[in-house]
Amino acid sequence: MKHRIDTKTWERRDNWLFMKEFANSWYSITSEVDCTEALNESKQNHTSFFIKYLYAILRAANEVRELGYRPDGEGVCWFDTLGATVPVAVKGGTFYTVLIPYIEDYQAFYDKVKEIIADIPENGDPYGVNRELIESGETGVVNISATPTLYFTSMTYTFHKPGLGSDWPLINVGKAMRKEGRWVMPIGIYVDHCFVDGANLGEFMNKVQRFLGAAL
């Protein structure tokens, strides 16, 4: 649900007033998480590692309040639940973006994602979901992209328009690599400094790590 923020009493008021005057208030970081338990469990149970880390990232995003803030005209709004826009590869070498709802129960989430992916049209608009969300103002999502054949140590991002890096946080997950007997994978995230500080990103990454290691 979308909530209007009273910026006069908002705890981030001064941060927002300062940062929103920047030509671009968006910034990105890249970090690594240990995915050994999640990857091994997926292999042993013949389940989707992709859906497992998709859940961990989306659950973490929903537990960090700051990732739900969005500009709303001249003010600010907050979404109490975040879904995910997820580009999924389709035949022909292209992709189609699907909208994944957040469901806290892991098995229900797993089944829903499998259902959505199985119903992807082969010739749809790759960005149709994104356009609809932007036009409706329902931007309570994060984008989660995967590059499972590419390991990266840093990332830059596209710029939507002057003063707006994106309409919601962008997250990229890279190839899992073996390091010192463990599996690690990079995660890049692009956020608006009006709403999200480094401490919030630290909390987000710690939660992703915890959920990847948990028995879901």
Protein backbone atom coordinates (compact mmCIF):
# COMPACT_ATOMS: atom_id res chain seq x y z
CA MET A 1 0.00 0.00 0.00
CA LYS A 2 1.14 3.54 -0.82
CA HIS A 3 1.35 6.07 2.02
CA ARG A 4 1.90 9.82 1.78
CA ILE A 5 4.75 11.06 4.02
CA ASP A 6 4.36 14.21 6.11
CA THR A 7 7.74 15.71 5.24
CA LYS A 8 7.38 18.39 7.96
CA THR A 9 7.82 15.78 10.69
CA TRP A 10 9.70 13.12 8.71
CA GLU A 11 12.99 11.97 10.26
CA ARG A 12 14.72 12.14 6.84
CA ARG A 13 13.43 15.62 6.03
CA ASP A 14 16.81 17.37 6.08
CA ASN A 15 18.54 14.61 4.10
CA TRP A 16 15.81 14.71 1.47
CA LEU A 17 15.74 18.51 1.19
CA PHE A 18 19.52 18.57 0.71
CA MET A 19 19.89 15.65 -1.71
CA LYS A 20 16.88 16.33 -3.91
CA GLU A 21 18.56 19.46 -5.27
CA PHE A 22 21.45 17.42 -6.70
CA ALA A 23 21.65 16.93 -10.48
CA ASN A 24 21.68 13.23 -9.65
CA SER A 25 21.15 11.91 -6.12
CA TRP A 26 21.48 8.23 -7.11
CA TYR A 27 24.53 6.11 -6.27
CA SER A 28 25.53 2.45 -6.44
CA ILE A 29 27.57 -0.06 -4.46
CA THR A 30 28.68 -3.61 -5.21
CA SER A 31 29.33 -6.22 -2.54
CA GLU A 32 29.59 -10.00 -2.23
CA VAL A 33 27.47 -12.46 -0.31
CA ASP A 34 28.25 -16.05 0.62
CA CYS A 35 25.69 -18.26 -1.12
CA THR A 36 27.22 -21.67 -0.29
CA GLU A 37 24.32 -23.06 1.74
CA ALA A 38 21.67 -21.78 -0.66
CA LEU A 39 23.48 -23.14 -3.73
CA ASN A 40 24.19 -26.53 -2.18
CA GLU A 41 20.62 -26.88 -0.95
CA SER A 42 19.25 -26.07 -4.41
CA LYS A 43 21.53 -28.67 -6.02
CA GLN A 44 20.64 -31.33 -3.46
CA ASN A 45 16.89 -30.72 -3.72
CA HIS A 46 16.88 -29.99 -7.48
CA THR A 47 15.17 -26.65 -6.89
CA SER A 48 15.80 -23.23 -8.40
CA PHE A 49 18.77 -21.35 -6.97
CA PHE A 50 17.52 -18.28 -8.87
CA ILE A 51 14.19 -18.29 -7.02
CA LYS A 52 15.97 -18.90 -3.72
CA TYR A 53 18.14 -15.79 -4.00
CA LEU A 54 15.28 -13.82 -5.54
CA TYR A 55 13.32 -14.50 -2.34
CA ALA A 56 16.26 -13.61 -0.08
CA ILE A 57 16.80 -10.28 -1.84
CA LEU A 58 13.12 -9.35 -2.00
CA ARG A 59 12.53 -10.28 1.64
CA ALA A 60 15.56 -8.20 2.67
CA ALA A 61 14.28 -5.23 0.63
CA ASN A 62 10.91 -5.47 2.37
CA GLU A 63 12.59 -5.42 5.78
CA VAL A 64 14.58 -2.23 5.11
CA ARG A 65 12.06 0.61 5.34
CA GLU A 66 14.19 3.12 3.45
CA LEU A 67 14.02 1.09 0.24
CA GLY A 68 10.27 1.77 0.11
CA TYR A 69 10.48 5.58 -0.16
CA ARG A 70 9.73 7.23 -3.52
CA PRO A 71 9.33 10.79 -4.80
CA ASP A 72 5.67 11.73 -5.13
CA GLY A 73 5.27 14.98 -7.05
CA GLU A 74 6.88 17.61 -4.82
CA GLY A 75 6.64 15.30 -1.82
CA VAL A 76 7.45 11.76 -0.73
CA CYS A 77 5.50 8.52 -0.44
CA TRP A 78 6.29 5.16 1.12
CA PHE A 79 5.28 1.66 0.02
CA ASP A 80 4.82 -0.77 2.91
CA THR A 81 5.26 -3.80 0.62
CA LEU A 82 7.64 -4.10 -2.32
CA GLY A 83 7.29 -6.43 -5.27
CA ALA A 84 10.01 -7.06 -7.86
CA THR A 85 10.33 -6.41 -11.57
CA VAL A 86 12.47 -9.23 -12.92
CA PRO A 87 13.84 -9.59 -16.47
CA VAL A 88 13.61 -13.26 -17.51
CA ALA A 89 15.25 -14.71 -20.63
CA VAL A 90 12.91 -15.97 -23.35
CA LYS A 91 13.46 -17.75 -26.66
CA GLY A 92 15.18 -15.67 -29.30
CA GLY A 93 17.90 -14.27 -27.07
CA THR A 94 15.82 -11.49 -25.54
CA PHE A 95 13.98 -11.10 -22.24
CA TYR A 96 10.61 -10.21 -20.78
CA THR A 97 10.10 -8.34 -17.51
CA VAL A 98 7.67 -9.94 -15.08
CA LEU A 99 6.15 -8.53 -11.90
CA ILE A 100 6.78 -10.75 -8.88
CA PRO A 101 4.71 -10.13 -5.73
CA TYR A 102 6.31 -10.45 -2.31
CA ILE A 103 4.99 -13.45 -0.39
CA GLU A 104 6.66 -14.08 2.97
CA ASP A 105 5.98 -17.82 2.96
CA TYR A 106 8.84 -19.25 0.91
CA GLN A 107 7.04 -22.22 -0.61
CA ALA A 108 4.08 -20.06 -1.68
CA PHE A 109 6.54 -17.55 -3.18
CA TYR A 110 8.43 -20.33 -4.98
CA ASP A 111 5.25 -21.75 -6.51
CA LYS A 112 4.04 -18.29 -7.59
CA VAL A 113 7.31 -17.42 -9.33
CA LYS A 114 7.30 -20.76 -11.17
CA GLU A 115 3.74 -20.07 -12.30
CA ILE A 116 4.57 -16.55 -13.52
CA ILE A 117 7.69 -17.62 -15.42
CA ALA A 118 5.82 -20.49 -17.09
CA ASP A 119 3.28 -18.00 -18.48
CA ILE A 120 5.70 -15.53 -20.15
CA PRO A 121 4.68 -14.56 -23.72
CA GLU A 122 7.40 -15.08 -26.33
CA ASN A 123 6.75 -11.81 -28.18
CA GLY A 124 5.72 -9.36 -25.47
CA ASP A 125 7.09 -5.88 -24.75
CA PRO A 126 10.27 -6.45 -22.68
CA TYR A 127 9.54 -3.27 -20.69
CA GLY A 128 5.74 -3.40 -20.68
CA VAL A 129 5.51 -4.02 -16.92
CA ASN A 130 7.88 -1.13 -16.21
CA ARG A 131 5.88 1.28 -18.38
CA GLU A 132 2.61 0.35 -16.66
CA LEU A 133 4.05 0.85 -13.17
CA ILE A 134 5.55 4.24 -14.05
CA GLU A 135 2.36 5.46 -15.73
CA SER A 136 0.21 4.36 -12.76
CA GLY A 137 2.57 5.73 -10.12
CA GLU A 138 2.64 2.33 -8.44
CA THR A 139 6.42 2.25 -8.13
CA GLY A 140 6.54 0.10 -5.00
CA VAL A 141 9.00 -2.38 -6.49
CA VAL A 142 12.70 -3.10 -6.79
CA ASN A 143 14.25 -4.41 -9.99
CA ILE A 144 16.26 -7.63 -9.65
CA SER A 145 18.34 -8.57 -12.70
CA ALA A 146 20.59 -11.62 -13.00
CA THR A 147 23.74 -12.19 -15.04
CA PRO A 148 24.50 -15.80 -14.05
CA THR A 149 27.38 -16.15 -16.54
CA LEU A 150 29.11 -12.89 -15.58
CA TYR A 151 31.01 -12.21 -12.37
CA PHE A 152 31.53 -8.50 -11.71
CA THR A 153 33.24 -6.38 -9.06
CA SER A 154 31.56 -3.05 -9.81
CA MET A 155 28.70 -1.68 -11.87
CA THR A 156 27.37 1.58 -13.28
CA TYR A 157 23.74 2.14 -14.18
CA THR A 158 21.61 3.84 -16.78
CA PHE A 159 20.23 7.31 -16.12
CA HIS A 160 16.47 7.64 -16.62
CA LYS A 161 16.31 11.42 -17.02
CA PRO A 162 17.98 14.53 -15.55
CA GLY A 163 17.74 14.39 -11.77
CA LEU A 164 16.29 10.86 -11.75
CA GLY A 165 18.55 7.84 -11.87
CA SER A 166 15.63 5.41 -11.84
CA ASP A 167 12.02 5.04 -10.68
CA TRP A 168 12.91 2.42 -8.06
CA PRO A 169 16.04 0.67 -6.72
CA LEU A 170 17.91 -1.49 -9.22
CA ILE A 171 19.64 -4.68 -8.08
CA ASN A 172 21.94 -6.92 -10.14
CA VAL A 173 23.17 -10.39 -9.18
CA GLY A 174 26.26 -11.86 -10.83
CA LYS A 175 27.81 -15.26 -11.34
CA ALA A 176 28.57 -17.38 -8.27
CA MET A 177 32.30 -18.08 -7.92
CA ARG A 178 34.29 -20.51 -5.78
CA LYS A 179 36.60 -18.74 -3.31
CA GLU A 180 38.56 -20.47 -0.55
CA GLY A 181 36.16 -23.40 -0.51
CA ARG A 182 33.01 -21.24 -0.42
CA TRP A 183 30.62 -19.95 -3.08
CA VAL A 184 30.18 -16.17 -3.31
CA MET A 185 28.28 -13.96 -5.72
CA PRO A 186 28.30 -10.20 -6.34
CA ILE A 187 25.26 -8.02 -5.78
CA GLY A 188 25.12 -4.48 -7.13
CA ILE A 189 22.45 -2.06 -5.94
CA TYR A 190 21.53 1.42 -7.20
CA VAL A 191 19.53 3.68 -4.86
CA ASP A 192 18.47 7.28 -4.27
CA HIS A 193 20.56 9.00 -1.57
CA CYS A 194 17.49 11.13 -0.75
CA PHE A 195 16.12 8.03 0.93
CA VAL A 196 18.86 5.44 1.39
CA ASP A 197 22.17 5.83 3.24
CA GLY A 198 25.16 3.51 3.51
CA ALA A 199 23.97 2.14 6.84
CA ASN A 200 20.69 1.10 5.19
CA LEU A 201 22.59 -0.71 2.43
CA GLY A 202 24.68 -2.47 5.06
CA GLU A 203 21.50 -3.63 6.76
CA PHE A 204 20.10 -4.79 3.42
CA MET A 205 23.20 -6.83 2.51
CA ASN A 206 23.35 -8.39 5.99
CA LYS A 207 19.73 -9.48 5.67
CA VAL A 208 20.32 -10.95 2.20
CA GLN A 209 23.24 -12.91 3.66
CA ARG A 210 21.14 -14.15 6.57
CA PHE A 211 18.24 -15.26 4.37
CA LEU A 212 20.57 -17.04 1.93
CA GLY A 213 21.98 -19.05 4.81
CA ALA A 214 18.63 -19.79 6.44
CA ALA A 215 16.65 -22.98 5.89
CA LEU A 216 13.76 -21.55 3.87
